[in-house]
Amino acid sequence: MINHKGQALVEYILIIALMSIIIISLVKYFGGYLKDAITKTSCNIAGLEYVAGEKPGEGACEDIYDDVLEGD
């Protein structure tokens, strides 16, 4: 008889490794977009204006009242 327990373990490890690579790739690719979405939401909550950056993930909040205060 051949013992197949080791083969099943290797298969599970390969599946977990493949899933990890796919998840890491997706997070790296969509991470900037996710960061921008969170930044937009936090800007609205804080009463600030969202300003998009050059690349995904580089957006920031700016105070919409800075221009009004500087004009005085």
N, C-alpha and C. Protein backbone atom coordinates (compact mmCIF):
# COMPACT_ATOMS: atom_id res chain seq x y z
N MET A 1 0.82 -1.19 0.00
CA MET A 1 0.00 0.00 0.00
C MET A 1 0.87 1.26 0.00
N ILE A 2 0.38 2.25 -0.72
CA ILE A 2 1.10 3.52 -0.80
C ILE A 2 0.41 4.52 0.13
N ASN A 3 1.22 5.27 0.85
CA ASN A 3 0.69 6.27 1.78
C ASN A 3 0.50 7.58 1.02
N HIS A 4 -0.73 8.10 0.93
CA HIS A 4 -1.03 9.32 0.20
C HIS A 4 -1.24 10.53 1.12
N LYS A 5 -0.96 10.39 2.40
CA LYS A 5 -1.16 11.51 3.33
C LYS A 5 -0.22 12.67 3.01
N GLY A 6 0.99 12.38 2.67
CA GLY A 6 1.95 13.44 2.33
C GLY A 6 1.56 14.17 1.06
N GLN A 7 1.00 13.46 0.11
CA GLN A 7 0.57 14.07 -1.15
C GLN A 7 -0.56 15.06 -0.89
N ALA A 8 -1.51 14.73 -0.06
CA ALA A 8 -2.63 15.62 0.25
C ALA A 8 -2.12 16.89 0.93
N LEU A 9 -1.15 16.73 1.83
CA LEU A 9 -0.59 17.89 2.52
C LEU A 9 0.09 18.83 1.54
N VAL A 10 0.85 18.29 0.61
CA VAL A 10 1.53 19.10 -0.40
C VAL A 10 0.50 19.83 -1.27
N GLU A 11 -0.58 19.15 -1.63
CA GLU A 11 -1.62 19.78 -2.44
C GLU A 11 -2.26 20.94 -1.70
N TYR A 12 -2.54 20.76 -0.41
CA TYR A 12 -3.12 21.85 0.38
C TYR A 12 -2.16 23.03 0.47
N ILE A 13 -0.89 22.76 0.66
CA ILE A 13 0.11 23.82 0.74
C ILE A 13 0.19 24.58 -0.58
N LEU A 14 0.16 23.87 -1.70
CA LEU A 14 0.19 24.53 -3.00
C LEU A 14 -1.05 25.39 -3.24
N ILE A 15 -2.20 24.90 -2.83
CA ILE A 15 -3.43 25.69 -2.98
C ILE A 15 -3.37 26.95 -2.13
N ILE A 16 -2.91 26.83 -0.90
CA ILE A 16 -2.80 28.00 -0.01
C ILE A 16 -1.78 28.98 -0.56
N ALA A 17 -0.67 28.50 -1.09
CA ALA A 17 0.34 29.39 -1.66
C ALA A 17 -0.21 30.13 -2.88
N LEU A 18 -0.92 29.43 -3.74
CA LEU A 18 -1.50 30.07 -4.92
C LEU A 18 -2.53 31.11 -4.52
N MET A 19 -3.39 30.79 -3.57
CA MET A 19 -4.38 31.76 -3.11
C MET A 19 -3.71 32.98 -2.48
N SER A 20 -2.64 32.78 -1.75
CA SER A 20 -1.92 33.89 -1.13
C SER A 20 -1.32 34.81 -2.19
N ILE A 21 -0.74 34.24 -3.23
CA ILE A 21 -0.16 35.04 -4.31
C ILE A 21 -1.24 35.85 -5.01
N ILE A 22 -2.38 35.24 -5.27
CA ILE A 22 -3.48 35.94 -5.93
C ILE A 22 -4.01 37.08 -5.06
N ILE A 23 -4.20 36.83 -3.78
CA ILE A 23 -4.71 37.86 -2.88
C ILE A 23 -3.73 39.01 -2.74
N ILE A 24 -2.45 38.72 -2.59
CA ILE A 24 -1.44 39.77 -2.49
C ILE A 24 -1.39 40.60 -3.77
N SER A 25 -1.49 39.96 -4.92
CA SER A 25 -1.49 40.67 -6.20
C SER A 25 -2.70 41.60 -6.32
N LEU A 26 -3.87 41.12 -5.93
CA LEU A 26 -5.08 41.93 -5.99
C LEU A 26 -5.01 43.14 -5.06
N VAL A 27 -4.51 42.92 -3.86
CA VAL A 27 -4.38 44.03 -2.92
C VAL A 27 -3.37 45.05 -3.43
N LYS A 28 -2.28 44.57 -4.00
CA LYS A 28 -1.28 45.50 -4.54
C LYS A 28 -1.84 46.29 -5.72
N TYR A 29 -2.62 45.64 -6.58
CA TYR A 29 -3.17 46.30 -7.76
C TYR A 29 -4.28 47.28 -7.39
N PHE A 30 -5.20 46.86 -6.52
CA PHE A 30 -6.35 47.69 -6.17
C PHE A 30 -6.14 48.50 -4.89
N GLY A 31 -4.99 48.39 -4.27
CA GLY A 31 -4.74 49.07 -3.00
C GLY A 31 -4.85 50.57 -3.09
N GLY A 32 -4.35 51.17 -4.17
CA GLY A 32 -4.43 52.61 -4.34
C GLY A 32 -5.85 53.09 -4.48
N TYR A 33 -6.66 52.34 -5.22
CA TYR A 33 -8.06 52.70 -5.39
C TYR A 33 -8.81 52.59 -4.07
N LEU A 34 -8.49 51.56 -3.30
CA LEU A 34 -9.11 51.38 -1.99
C LEU A 34 -8.71 52.52 -1.05
N LYS A 35 -7.45 52.91 -1.08
CA LYS A 35 -6.98 54.01 -0.24
C LYS A 35 -7.68 55.30 -0.62
N ASP A 36 -7.87 55.56 -1.93
CA ASP A 36 -8.57 56.75 -2.37
C ASP A 36 -10.03 56.75 -1.90
N ALA A 37 -10.69 55.61 -1.96
CA ALA A 37 -12.08 55.52 -1.51
C ALA A 37 -12.19 55.83 -0.02
N ILE A 38 -11.26 55.32 0.77
CA ILE A 38 -11.28 55.58 2.21
C ILE A 38 -10.96 57.05 2.48
N THR A 39 -10.03 57.63 1.72
CA THR A 39 -9.67 59.03 1.89
C THR A 39 -10.85 59.94 1.54
N LYS A 40 -11.55 59.63 0.45
CA LYS A 40 -12.73 60.43 0.06
C LYS A 40 -13.77 60.42 1.17
N THR A 41 -14.01 59.26 1.74
CA THR A 41 -15.00 59.15 2.81
C THR A 41 -14.56 59.93 4.04
N SER A 42 -13.30 59.82 4.41
CA SER A 42 -12.82 60.53 5.60
C SER A 42 -12.80 62.04 5.37
N CYS A 43 -12.57 62.49 4.14
CA CYS A 43 -12.62 63.92 3.84
C CYS A 43 -14.02 64.45 4.05
N ASN A 44 -15.01 63.71 3.55
CA ASN A 44 -16.39 64.14 3.72
C ASN A 44 -16.79 64.20 5.18
N ILE A 45 -16.36 63.23 5.96
CA ILE A 45 -16.69 63.19 7.39
C ILE A 45 -16.05 64.37 8.12
N ALA A 46 -14.81 64.70 7.74
CA ALA A 46 -14.08 65.78 8.41
C ALA A 46 -14.44 67.16 7.86
N GLY A 47 -15.27 67.23 6.83
CA GLY A 47 -15.63 68.52 6.26
C GLY A 47 -14.55 69.11 5.38
N LEU A 48 -13.73 68.26 4.82
CA LEU A 48 -12.65 68.70 3.94
C LEU A 48 -12.97 68.31 2.51
N GLU A 49 -12.20 68.85 1.57
CA GLU A 49 -12.40 68.55 0.16
C GLU A 49 -11.34 67.57 -0.32
N TYR A 50 -11.76 66.57 -1.05
CA TYR A 50 -10.83 65.57 -1.59
C TYR A 50 -10.17 66.10 -2.85
N VAL A 51 -8.86 65.98 -2.93
CA VAL A 51 -8.10 66.37 -4.11
C VAL A 51 -7.37 65.14 -4.61
N ALA A 52 -7.65 64.75 -5.86
CA ALA A 52 -7.04 63.55 -6.43
C ALA A 52 -5.56 63.76 -6.68
N GLY A 53 -4.79 62.69 -6.52
CA GLY A 53 -3.36 62.73 -6.81
C GLY A 53 -3.08 62.30 -8.24
N GLU A 54 -1.82 62.28 -8.61
CA GLU A 54 -1.44 61.87 -9.96
C GLU A 54 -1.66 60.38 -10.18
N LYS A 55 -1.42 59.59 -9.14
CA LYS A 55 -1.58 58.13 -9.23
C LYS A 55 -2.64 57.69 -8.22
N PRO A 56 -3.23 56.52 -8.43
CA PRO A 56 -4.17 56.01 -7.44
C PRO A 56 -3.50 55.85 -6.07
N GLY A 57 -4.17 56.33 -5.06
CA GLY A 57 -3.63 56.23 -3.70
C GLY A 57 -2.91 57.47 -3.23
N GLU A 58 -2.76 58.47 -4.11
CA GLU A 58 -2.04 59.69 -3.74
C GLU A 58 -2.97 60.86 -3.42
N GLY A 59 -4.28 60.61 -3.41
CA GLY A 59 -5.23 61.68 -3.11
C GLY A 59 -5.09 62.14 -1.67
N ALA A 60 -5.55 63.38 -1.42
CA ALA A 60 -5.43 63.93 -0.08
C ALA A 60 -6.61 64.86 0.20
N CYS A 61 -6.76 65.22 1.46
CA CYS A 61 -7.81 66.15 1.88
C CYS A 61 -7.22 67.55 2.00
N GLU A 62 -8.00 68.54 1.58
CA GLU A 62 -7.60 69.92 1.77
C GLU A 62 -8.74 70.66 2.44
N ASP A 63 -8.37 71.66 3.23
CA ASP A 63 -9.36 72.47 3.90
C ASP A 63 -9.99 73.43 2.90
N ILE A 64 -11.30 73.38 2.75
CA ILE A 64 -11.97 74.22 1.75
C ILE A 64 -12.04 75.67 2.20
N TYR A 65 -11.73 75.95 3.45
CA TYR A 65 -11.80 77.31 3.97
C TYR A 65 -10.44 78.00 3.98
N ASP A 66 -9.36 77.35 3.54
CA ASP A 66 -8.05 77.99 3.51
C ASP A 66 -8.04 79.20 2.60
N ASP A 67 -8.65 79.11 1.43
CA ASP A 67 -8.66 80.22 0.48
C ASP A 67 -9.43 81.41 1.03
N VAL A 68 -10.51 81.14 1.74
CA VAL A 68 -11.33 82.22 2.30
C VAL A 68 -10.55 82.94 3.39
N LEU A 69 -9.85 82.20 4.24
CA LEU A 69 -9.09 82.81 5.32
C LEU A 69 -7.89 83.58 4.81
N GLU A 70 -7.25 83.11 3.76
CA GLU A 70 -6.07 83.79 3.22
C GLU A 70 -6.45 85.09 2.53
N GLY A 71 -7.67 85.21 2.05
CA GLY A 71 -8.11 86.41 1.35
C GLY A 71 -8.38 87.58 2.26
N ASP A 72 -8.51 87.33 3.57
CA ASP A 72 -8.80 88.42 4.52
C ASP A 72 -7.62 89.29 4.78
